[in-house]
Amino acid sequence: SDGVIRGLIYAPLASYAREVHALTATVHRR
């Protein structure tokens, strides 16, 4: 609410890459 930007968060990024840009994308937590 005070305008602080947070991210990048991996899981939604991977979903975005797959569903919008048709890339295969895998999150590697380790």
PDB file of all heavy atoms in Angstrom:
ATOM      1  N   SER A   1       0.817  -1.215   0.000  1.00  0.00           N
ATOM      2  CA  SER A   1       0.000   0.000   0.000  1.00  0.00           C
ATOM      3  C   SER A   1       0.852   1.267   0.000  1.00  0.00           C
ATOM      4  O   SER A   1       0.423   2.315  -0.485  1.00  0.00           O
ATOM      5  CB  SER A   1      -0.937   0.007   1.211  1.00  0.00           C
ATOM      6  OG  SER A   1      -0.187  -0.083   2.417  1.00  0.00           O
ATOM      7  N   ASP A   2       2.083   1.155   0.513  1.00  0.00           N
ATOM      8  CA  ASP A   2       2.968   2.321   0.518  1.00  0.00           C
ATOM      9  C   ASP A   2       3.881   2.369  -0.698  1.00  0.00           C
ATOM     10  O   ASP A   2       4.816   3.164  -0.752  1.00  0.00           O
ATOM     11  CB  ASP A   2       3.810   2.356   1.798  1.00  0.00           C
ATOM     12  CG  ASP A   2       4.624   1.078   1.998  1.00  0.00           C
ATOM     13  OD1 ASP A   2       4.504   0.157   1.153  1.00  0.00           O
ATOM     14  OD2 ASP A   2       5.359   0.999   2.992  1.00  0.00           O
ATOM     15  N   GLY A   3       3.583   1.504  -1.688  1.00  0.00           N
ATOM     16  CA  GLY A   3       4.316   1.547  -2.949  1.00  0.00           C
ATOM     17  C   GLY A   3       5.566   0.700  -3.014  1.00  0.00           C
ATOM     18  O   GLY A   3       6.264   0.705  -4.043  1.00  0.00           O
ATOM     19  N   VAL A   4       5.880  -0.067  -1.968  1.00  0.00           N
ATOM     20  CA  VAL A   4       7.064  -0.924  -1.976  1.00  0.00           C
ATOM     21  C   VAL A   4       6.832  -2.096  -2.933  1.00  0.00           C
ATOM     22  O   VAL A   4       5.809  -2.780  -2.867  1.00  0.00           O
ATOM     23  CB  VAL A   4       7.383  -1.442  -0.564  1.00  0.00           C
ATOM     24  CG1 VAL A   4       8.537  -2.444  -0.603  1.00  0.00           C
ATOM     25  CG2 VAL A   4       7.726  -0.280   0.350  1.00  0.00           C
ATOM     26  N   ILE A   5       7.786  -2.316  -3.839  1.00  0.00           N
ATOM     27  CA  ILE A   5       7.697  -3.387  -4.832  1.00  0.00           C
ATOM     28  C   ILE A   5       8.336  -4.641  -4.266  1.00  0.00           C
ATOM     29  O   ILE A   5       9.461  -4.601  -3.748  1.00  0.00           O
ATOM     30  CB  ILE A   5       8.413  -2.969  -6.130  1.00  0.00           C
ATOM     31  CG1 ILE A   5       7.734  -1.743  -6.742  1.00  0.00           C
ATOM     32  CG2 ILE A   5       8.445  -4.127  -7.126  1.00  0.00           C
ATOM     33  CD1 ILE A   5       8.563  -1.059  -7.818  1.00  0.00           C
ATOM     34  N   ARG A   6       7.624  -5.762  -4.367  1.00  0.00           N
ATOM     35  CA  ARG A   6       8.157  -7.034  -3.890  1.00  0.00           C
ATOM     36  C   ARG A   6       8.114  -8.061  -5.019  1.00  0.00           C
ATOM     37  O   ARG A   6       7.166  -8.148  -5.759  1.00  0.00           O
ATOM     38  CB  ARG A   6       7.363  -7.526  -2.679  1.00  0.00           C
ATOM     39  CG  ARG A   6       7.381  -6.544  -1.509  1.00  0.00           C
ATOM     40  CD  ARG A   6       6.805  -7.133  -0.240  1.00  0.00           C
ATOM     41  NE  ARG A   6       6.743  -6.131   0.819  1.00  0.00           N
ATOM     42  CZ  ARG A   6       7.765  -5.778   1.582  1.00  0.00           C
ATOM     43  NH1 ARG A   6       8.939  -6.349   1.404  1.00  0.00           N
ATOM     44  NH2 ARG A   6       7.628  -4.853   2.529  1.00  0.00           N
ATOM     45  N   GLY A   7       9.114  -8.884  -5.100  1.00  0.00           N
ATOM     46  CA  GLY A   7       9.259  -9.887  -6.136  1.00  0.00           C
ATOM     47  C   GLY A   7      10.657  -9.785  -6.730  1.00  0.00           C
ATOM     48  O   GLY A   7      11.394  -8.879  -6.374  1.00  0.00           O
ATOM     49  N   LEU A   8      10.992 -10.711  -7.500  1.00  0.00           N
ATOM     50  CA  LEU A   8      10.238 -11.641  -8.309  1.00  0.00           C
ATOM     51  C   LEU A   8       9.982 -12.944  -7.549  1.00  0.00           C
ATOM     52  O   LEU A   8      10.880 -13.479  -6.913  1.00  0.00           O
ATOM     53  CB  LEU A   8      11.029 -11.906  -9.589  1.00  0.00           C
ATOM     54  CG  LEU A   8      10.407 -12.790 -10.630  1.00  0.00           C
ATOM     55  CD1 LEU A   8       9.213 -12.151 -11.296  1.00  0.00           C
ATOM     56  CD2 LEU A   8      11.449 -13.186 -11.655  1.00  0.00           C
ATOM     57  N   ILE A   9       8.757 -13.485  -7.670  1.00  0.00           N
ATOM     58  CA  ILE A   9       8.375 -14.724  -7.030  1.00  0.00           C
ATOM     59  C   ILE A   9       8.294 -15.805  -8.107  1.00  0.00           C
ATOM     60  O   ILE A   9       7.623 -15.642  -9.133  1.00  0.00           O
ATOM     61  CB  ILE A   9       7.033 -14.560  -6.297  1.00  0.00           C
ATOM     62  CG1 ILE A   9       7.143 -13.397  -5.297  1.00  0.00           C
ATOM     63  CG2 ILE A   9       6.675 -15.852  -5.572  1.00  0.00           C
ATOM     64  CD1 ILE A   9       5.830 -12.962  -4.708  1.00  0.00           C
ATOM     65  N   TYR A  10       8.999 -16.922  -7.866  1.00  0.00           N
ATOM     66  CA  TYR A  10       9.234 -17.892  -8.936  1.00  0.00           C
ATOM     67  C   TYR A  10       7.991 -18.594  -9.464  1.00  0.00           C
ATOM     68  O   TYR A  10       7.816 -18.735 -10.678  1.00  0.00           O
ATOM     69  CB  TYR A  10      10.211 -18.957  -8.443  1.00  0.00           C
ATOM     70  CG  TYR A  10      11.632 -18.505  -8.256  1.00  0.00           C
ATOM     71  CD1 TYR A  10      12.559 -19.364  -7.666  1.00  0.00           C
ATOM     72  CD2 TYR A  10      12.072 -17.245  -8.651  1.00  0.00           C
ATOM     73  CE1 TYR A  10      13.877 -18.982  -7.482  1.00  0.00           C
ATOM     74  CE2 TYR A  10      13.381 -16.860  -8.465  1.00  0.00           C
ATOM     75  CZ  TYR A  10      14.288 -17.727  -7.886  1.00  0.00           C
ATOM     76  OH  TYR A  10      15.580 -17.360  -7.703  1.00  0.00           O
ATOM     77  N   ALA A  11       7.148 -19.117  -8.573  1.00  0.00           N
ATOM     78  CA  ALA A  11       6.040 -19.960  -9.034  1.00  0.00           C
ATOM     79  C   ALA A  11       5.094 -19.220  -9.975  1.00  0.00           C
ATOM     80  O   ALA A  11       4.765 -19.736 -11.054  1.00  0.00           O
ATOM     81  CB  ALA A  11       5.285 -20.548  -7.851  1.00  0.00           C
ATOM     82  N   PRO A  12       4.628 -18.019  -9.640  1.00  0.00           N
ATOM     83  CA  PRO A  12       3.771 -17.313 -10.604  1.00  0.00           C
ATOM     84  C   PRO A  12       4.507 -16.888 -11.861  1.00  0.00           C
ATOM     85  O   PRO A  12       3.913 -16.820 -12.943  1.00  0.00           O
ATOM     86  CB  PRO A  12       3.250 -16.108  -9.814  1.00  0.00           C
ATOM     87  CG  PRO A  12       4.138 -15.982  -8.632  1.00  0.00           C
ATOM     88  CD  PRO A  12       4.660 -17.341  -8.331  1.00  0.00           C
ATOM     89  N   LEU A  13       5.805 -16.628 -11.759  1.00  0.00           N
ATOM     90  CA  LEU A  13       6.580 -16.345 -12.971  1.00  0.00           C
ATOM     91  C   LEU A  13       6.554 -17.544 -13.906  1.00  0.00           C
ATOM     92  O   LEU A  13       6.337 -17.405 -15.121  1.00  0.00           O
ATOM     93  CB  LEU A  13       8.023 -16.001 -12.624  1.00  0.00           C
ATOM     94  CG  LEU A  13       8.964 -16.024 -13.825  1.00  0.00           C
ATOM     95  CD1 LEU A  13       8.694 -14.850 -14.745  1.00  0.00           C
ATOM     96  CD2 LEU A  13      10.413 -16.083 -13.410  1.00  0.00           C
ATOM     97  N   ALA A  14       6.771 -18.752 -13.346  1.00  0.00           N
ATOM     98  CA  ALA A  14       6.771 -19.950 -14.181  1.00  0.00           C
ATOM     99  C   ALA A  14       5.405 -20.166 -14.832  1.00  0.00           C
ATOM    100  O   ALA A  14       5.314 -20.527 -16.015  1.00  0.00           O
ATOM    101  CB  ALA A  14       7.165 -21.163 -13.340  1.00  0.00           C
ATOM    102  N   SER A  15       4.343 -19.923 -14.080  1.00  0.00           N
ATOM    103  CA  SER A  15       2.999 -20.050 -14.658  1.00  0.00           C
ATOM    104  C   SER A  15       2.804 -19.048 -15.794  1.00  0.00           C
ATOM    105  O   SER A  15       2.244 -19.389 -16.844  1.00  0.00           O
ATOM    106  CB  SER A  15       1.947 -19.818 -13.575  1.00  0.00           C
ATOM    107  OG  SER A  15       2.006 -20.819 -12.590  1.00  0.00           O
ATOM    108  N   TYR A  16       3.241 -17.842 -15.592  1.00  0.00           N
ATOM    109  CA  TYR A  16       3.138 -16.809 -16.632  1.00  0.00           C
ATOM    110  C   TYR A  16       3.912 -17.220 -17.881  1.00  0.00           C
ATOM    111  O   TYR A  16       3.393 -17.124 -19.014  1.00  0.00           O
ATOM    112  CB  TYR A  16       3.664 -15.497 -16.070  1.00  0.00           C
ATOM    113  CG  TYR A  16       3.824 -14.384 -17.069  1.00  0.00           C
ATOM    114  CD1 TYR A  16       2.771 -13.969 -17.872  1.00  0.00           C
ATOM    115  CD2 TYR A  16       5.048 -13.714 -17.190  1.00  0.00           C
ATOM    116  CE1 TYR A  16       2.932 -12.933 -18.789  1.00  0.00           C
ATOM    117  CE2 TYR A  16       5.210 -12.680 -18.094  1.00  0.00           C
ATOM    118  CZ  TYR A  16       4.155 -12.291 -18.893  1.00  0.00           C
ATOM    119  OH  TYR A  16       4.316 -11.266 -19.793  1.00  0.00           O
ATOM    120  N   ALA A  17       5.141 -17.718 -17.711  1.00  0.00           N
ATOM    121  CA  ALA A  17       5.948 -18.123 -18.855  1.00  0.00           C
ATOM    122  C   ALA A  17       5.296 -19.248 -19.633  1.00  0.00           C
ATOM    123  O   ALA A  17       5.291 -19.257 -20.873  1.00  0.00           O
ATOM    124  CB  ALA A  17       7.348 -18.536 -18.388  1.00  0.00           C
ATOM    125  N   ARG A  18       4.689 -20.207 -18.911  1.00  0.00           N
ATOM    126  CA  ARG A  18       4.047 -21.341 -19.580  1.00  0.00           C
ATOM    127  C   ARG A  18       2.761 -20.934 -20.268  1.00  0.00           C
ATOM    128  O   ARG A  18       2.522 -21.261 -21.445  1.00  0.00           O
ATOM    129  CB  ARG A  18       3.758 -22.444 -18.558  1.00  0.00           C
ATOM    130  CG  ARG A  18       4.965 -23.206 -18.072  1.00  0.00           C
ATOM    131  CD  ARG A  18       4.546 -24.462 -17.316  1.00  0.00           C
ATOM    132  NE  ARG A  18       3.770 -24.134 -16.133  1.00  0.00           N
ATOM    133  CZ  ARG A  18       4.280 -24.051 -14.906  1.00  0.00           C
ATOM    134  NH1 ARG A  18       5.565 -24.234 -14.713  1.00  0.00           N
ATOM    135  NH2 ARG A  18       3.511 -23.774 -13.873  1.00  0.00           N
ATOM    136  N   GLU A  19       1.894 -20.242 -19.539  1.00  0.00           N
ATOM    137  CA  GLU A  19       0.529 -20.035 -20.004  1.00  0.00           C
ATOM    138  C   GLU A  19       0.404 -18.901 -21.009  1.00  0.00           C
ATOM    139  O   GLU A  19      -0.492 -18.923 -21.861  1.00  0.00           O
ATOM    140  CB  GLU A  19      -0.382 -19.795 -18.805  1.00  0.00           C
ATOM    141  CG  GLU A  19      -0.475 -21.021 -17.904  1.00  0.00           C
ATOM    142  CD  GLU A  19      -1.222 -20.747 -16.613  1.00  0.00           C
ATOM    143  OE1 GLU A  19      -1.946 -19.723 -16.544  1.00  0.00           O
ATOM    144  OE2 GLU A  19      -1.077 -21.552 -15.667  1.00  0.00           O
ATOM    145  N   VAL A  20       1.272 -17.923 -20.938  1.00  0.00           N
ATOM    146  CA  VAL A  20       1.194 -16.783 -21.856  1.00  0.00           C
ATOM    147  C   VAL A  20       2.210 -16.902 -22.982  1.00  0.00           C
ATOM    148  O   VAL A  20       1.909 -16.598 -24.136  1.00  0.00           O
ATOM    149  CB  VAL A  20       1.389 -15.457 -21.088  1.00  0.00           C
ATOM    150  CG1 VAL A  20       1.419 -14.269 -22.049  1.00  0.00           C
ATOM    151  CG2 VAL A  20       0.273 -15.277 -20.056  1.00  0.00           C
ATOM    152  N   HIS A  21       3.417 -17.374 -22.666  1.00  0.00           N
ATOM    153  CA  HIS A  21       4.488 -17.387 -23.669  1.00  0.00           C
ATOM    154  C   HIS A  21       4.836 -18.788 -24.159  1.00  0.00           C
ATOM    155  O   HIS A  21       5.725 -18.940 -24.998  1.00  0.00           O
ATOM    156  CB  HIS A  21       5.726 -16.695 -23.107  1.00  0.00           C
ATOM    157  CG  HIS A  21       5.484 -15.257 -22.761  1.00  0.00           C
ATOM    158  ND1 HIS A  21       5.290 -14.286 -23.722  1.00  0.00           N
ATOM    159  CD2 HIS A  21       5.350 -14.636 -21.563  1.00  0.00           C
ATOM    160  CE1 HIS A  21       5.076 -13.126 -23.140  1.00  0.00           C
ATOM    161  NE2 HIS A  21       5.095 -13.305 -21.835  1.00  0.00           N
ATOM    162  N   ALA A  22       4.128 -19.810 -23.664  1.00  0.00           N
ATOM    163  CA  ALA A  22       4.274 -21.195 -24.136  1.00  0.00           C
ATOM    164  C   ALA A  22       5.686 -21.730 -23.953  1.00  0.00           C
ATOM    165  O   ALA A  22       6.103 -22.641 -24.666  1.00  0.00           O
ATOM    166  CB  ALA A  22       3.841 -21.322 -25.600  1.00  0.00           C
ATOM    167  N   LEU A  23       6.440 -21.174 -23.020  1.00  0.00           N
ATOM    168  CA  LEU A  23       7.722 -21.764 -22.653  1.00  0.00           C
ATOM    169  C   LEU A  23       7.482 -22.877 -21.642  1.00  0.00           C
ATOM    170  O   LEU A  23       6.578 -22.792 -20.811  1.00  0.00           O
ATOM    171  CB  LEU A  23       8.629 -20.723 -21.997  1.00  0.00           C
ATOM    172  CG  LEU A  23       9.271 -19.644 -22.853  1.00  0.00           C
ATOM    173  CD1 LEU A  23      10.141 -18.752 -21.978  1.00  0.00           C
ATOM    174  CD2 LEU A  23      10.113 -20.250 -23.968  1.00  0.00           C
ATOM    175  N   THR A  24       8.295 -23.919 -21.689  1.00  0.00           N
ATOM    176  CA  THR A  24       8.314 -24.826 -20.563  1.00  0.00           C
ATOM    177  C   THR A  24       9.126 -24.148 -19.457  1.00  0.00           C
ATOM    178  O   THR A  24      10.158 -23.539 -19.718  1.00  0.00           O
ATOM    179  CB  THR A  24       8.935 -26.180 -20.946  1.00  0.00           C
ATOM    180  OG1 THR A  24      10.261 -25.977 -21.423  1.00  0.00           O
ATOM    181  CG2 THR A  24       8.102 -26.859 -22.022  1.00  0.00           C
ATOM    182  N   ALA A  25       8.645 -24.220 -18.239  1.00  0.00           N
ATOM    183  CA  ALA A  25       9.296 -23.527 -17.132  1.00  0.00           C
ATOM    184  C   ALA A  25       9.168 -24.371 -15.876  1.00  0.00           C
ATOM    185  O   ALA A  25       8.082 -24.842 -15.544  1.00  0.00           O
ATOM    186  CB  ALA A  25       8.650 -22.160 -16.907  1.00  0.00           C
ATOM    187  N   THR A  26      10.283 -24.566 -15.188  1.00  0.00           N
ATOM    188  CA  THR A  26      10.319 -25.380 -13.980  1.00  0.00           C
ATOM    189  C   THR A  26      11.012 -24.610 -12.868  1.00  0.00           C
ATOM    190  O   THR A  26      12.116 -24.093 -13.065  1.00  0.00           O
ATOM    191  CB  THR A  26      11.076 -26.705 -14.233  1.00  0.00           C
ATOM    192  OG1 THR A  26      10.446 -27.408 -15.306  1.00  0.00           O
ATOM    193  CG2 THR A  26      11.067 -27.576 -12.985  1.00  0.00           C
ATOM    194  N   VAL A  27      10.363 -24.540 -11.714  1.00  0.00           N
ATOM    195  CA  VAL A  27      10.964 -23.912 -10.538  1.00  0.00           C
ATOM    196  C   VAL A  27      11.893 -24.920  -9.869  1.00  0.00           C
ATOM    197  O   VAL A  27      11.509 -26.066  -9.636  1.00  0.00           O
ATOM    198  CB  VAL A  27       9.875 -23.460  -9.544  1.00  0.00           C
ATOM    199  CG1 VAL A  27      10.505 -22.932  -8.251  1.00  0.00           C
ATOM    200  CG2 VAL A  27       8.993 -22.395 -10.177  1.00  0.00           C
ATOM    201  N   HIS A  28      13.104 -24.487  -9.563  1.00  0.00           N
ATOM    202  CA  HIS A  28      14.080 -25.318  -8.860  1.00  0.00           C
ATOM    203  C   HIS A  28      14.343 -24.669  -7.506  1.00  0.00           C
ATOM    204  O   HIS A  28      15.155 -23.747  -7.391  1.00  0.00           O
ATOM    205  CB  HIS A  28      15.373 -25.438  -9.664  1.00  0.00           C
ATOM    206  CG  HIS A  28      15.178 -26.022 -11.023  1.00  0.00           C
ATOM    207  ND1 HIS A  28      15.158 -27.384 -11.264  1.00  0.00           N
ATOM    208  CD2 HIS A  28      14.957 -25.417 -12.224  1.00  0.00           C
ATOM    209  CE1 HIS A  28      14.951 -27.597 -12.563  1.00  0.00           C
ATOM    210  NE2 HIS A  28      14.830 -26.424 -13.152  1.00  0.00           N
ATOM    211  N   ARG A  29      13.637 -25.166  -6.500  1.00  0.00           N
ATOM    212  CA  ARG A  29      13.776 -24.586  -5.166  1.00  0.00           C
ATOM    213  C   ARG A  29      15.148 -24.872  -4.581  1.00  0.00           C
ATOM    214  O   ARG A  29      15.700 -24.071  -3.825  1.00  0.00           O
ATOM    215  CB  ARG A  29      12.677 -25.145  -4.258  1.00  0.00           C
ATOM    216  CG  ARG A  29      12.528 -24.449  -2.930  1.00  0.00           C
ATOM    217  CD  ARG A  29      11.223 -24.856  -2.273  1.00  0.00           C
ATOM    218  NE  ARG A  29      11.027 -24.148  -1.005  1.00  0.00           N
ATOM    219  CZ  ARG A  29      11.261 -24.680   0.179  1.00  0.00           C
ATOM    220  NH1 ARG A  29      11.726 -25.928   0.257  1.00  0.00           N
ATOM    221  NH2 ARG A  29      11.053 -23.992   1.284  1.00  0.00           N
ATOM    222  N   ARG A  30      15.713 -26.011  -4.942  1.00  0.00           N
ATOM    223  CA  ARG A  30      17.090 -26.356  -4.596  1.00  0.00           C
ATOM    224  C   ARG A  30      17.780 -26.818  -5.868  1.00  0.00           C
ATOM    225  O   ARG A  30      17.307 -27.735  -6.530  1.00  0.00           O
ATOM    226  CB  ARG A  30      17.124 -27.444  -3.525  1.00  0.00           C
ATOM    227  CG  ARG A  30      16.555 -26.997  -2.185  1.00  0.00           C
ATOM    228  CD  ARG A  30      16.627 -28.107  -1.142  1.00  0.00           C
ATOM    229  NE  ARG A  30      16.082 -27.659   0.138  1.00  0.00           N
ATOM    230  CZ  ARG A  30      14.803 -27.698   0.457  1.00  0.00           C
ATOM    231  NH1 ARG A  30      13.917 -28.156  -0.427  1.00  0.00           N
ATOM    232  NH2 ARG A  30      14.390 -27.264   1.634  1.00  0.00           N
TER     233      ARG A  30
END
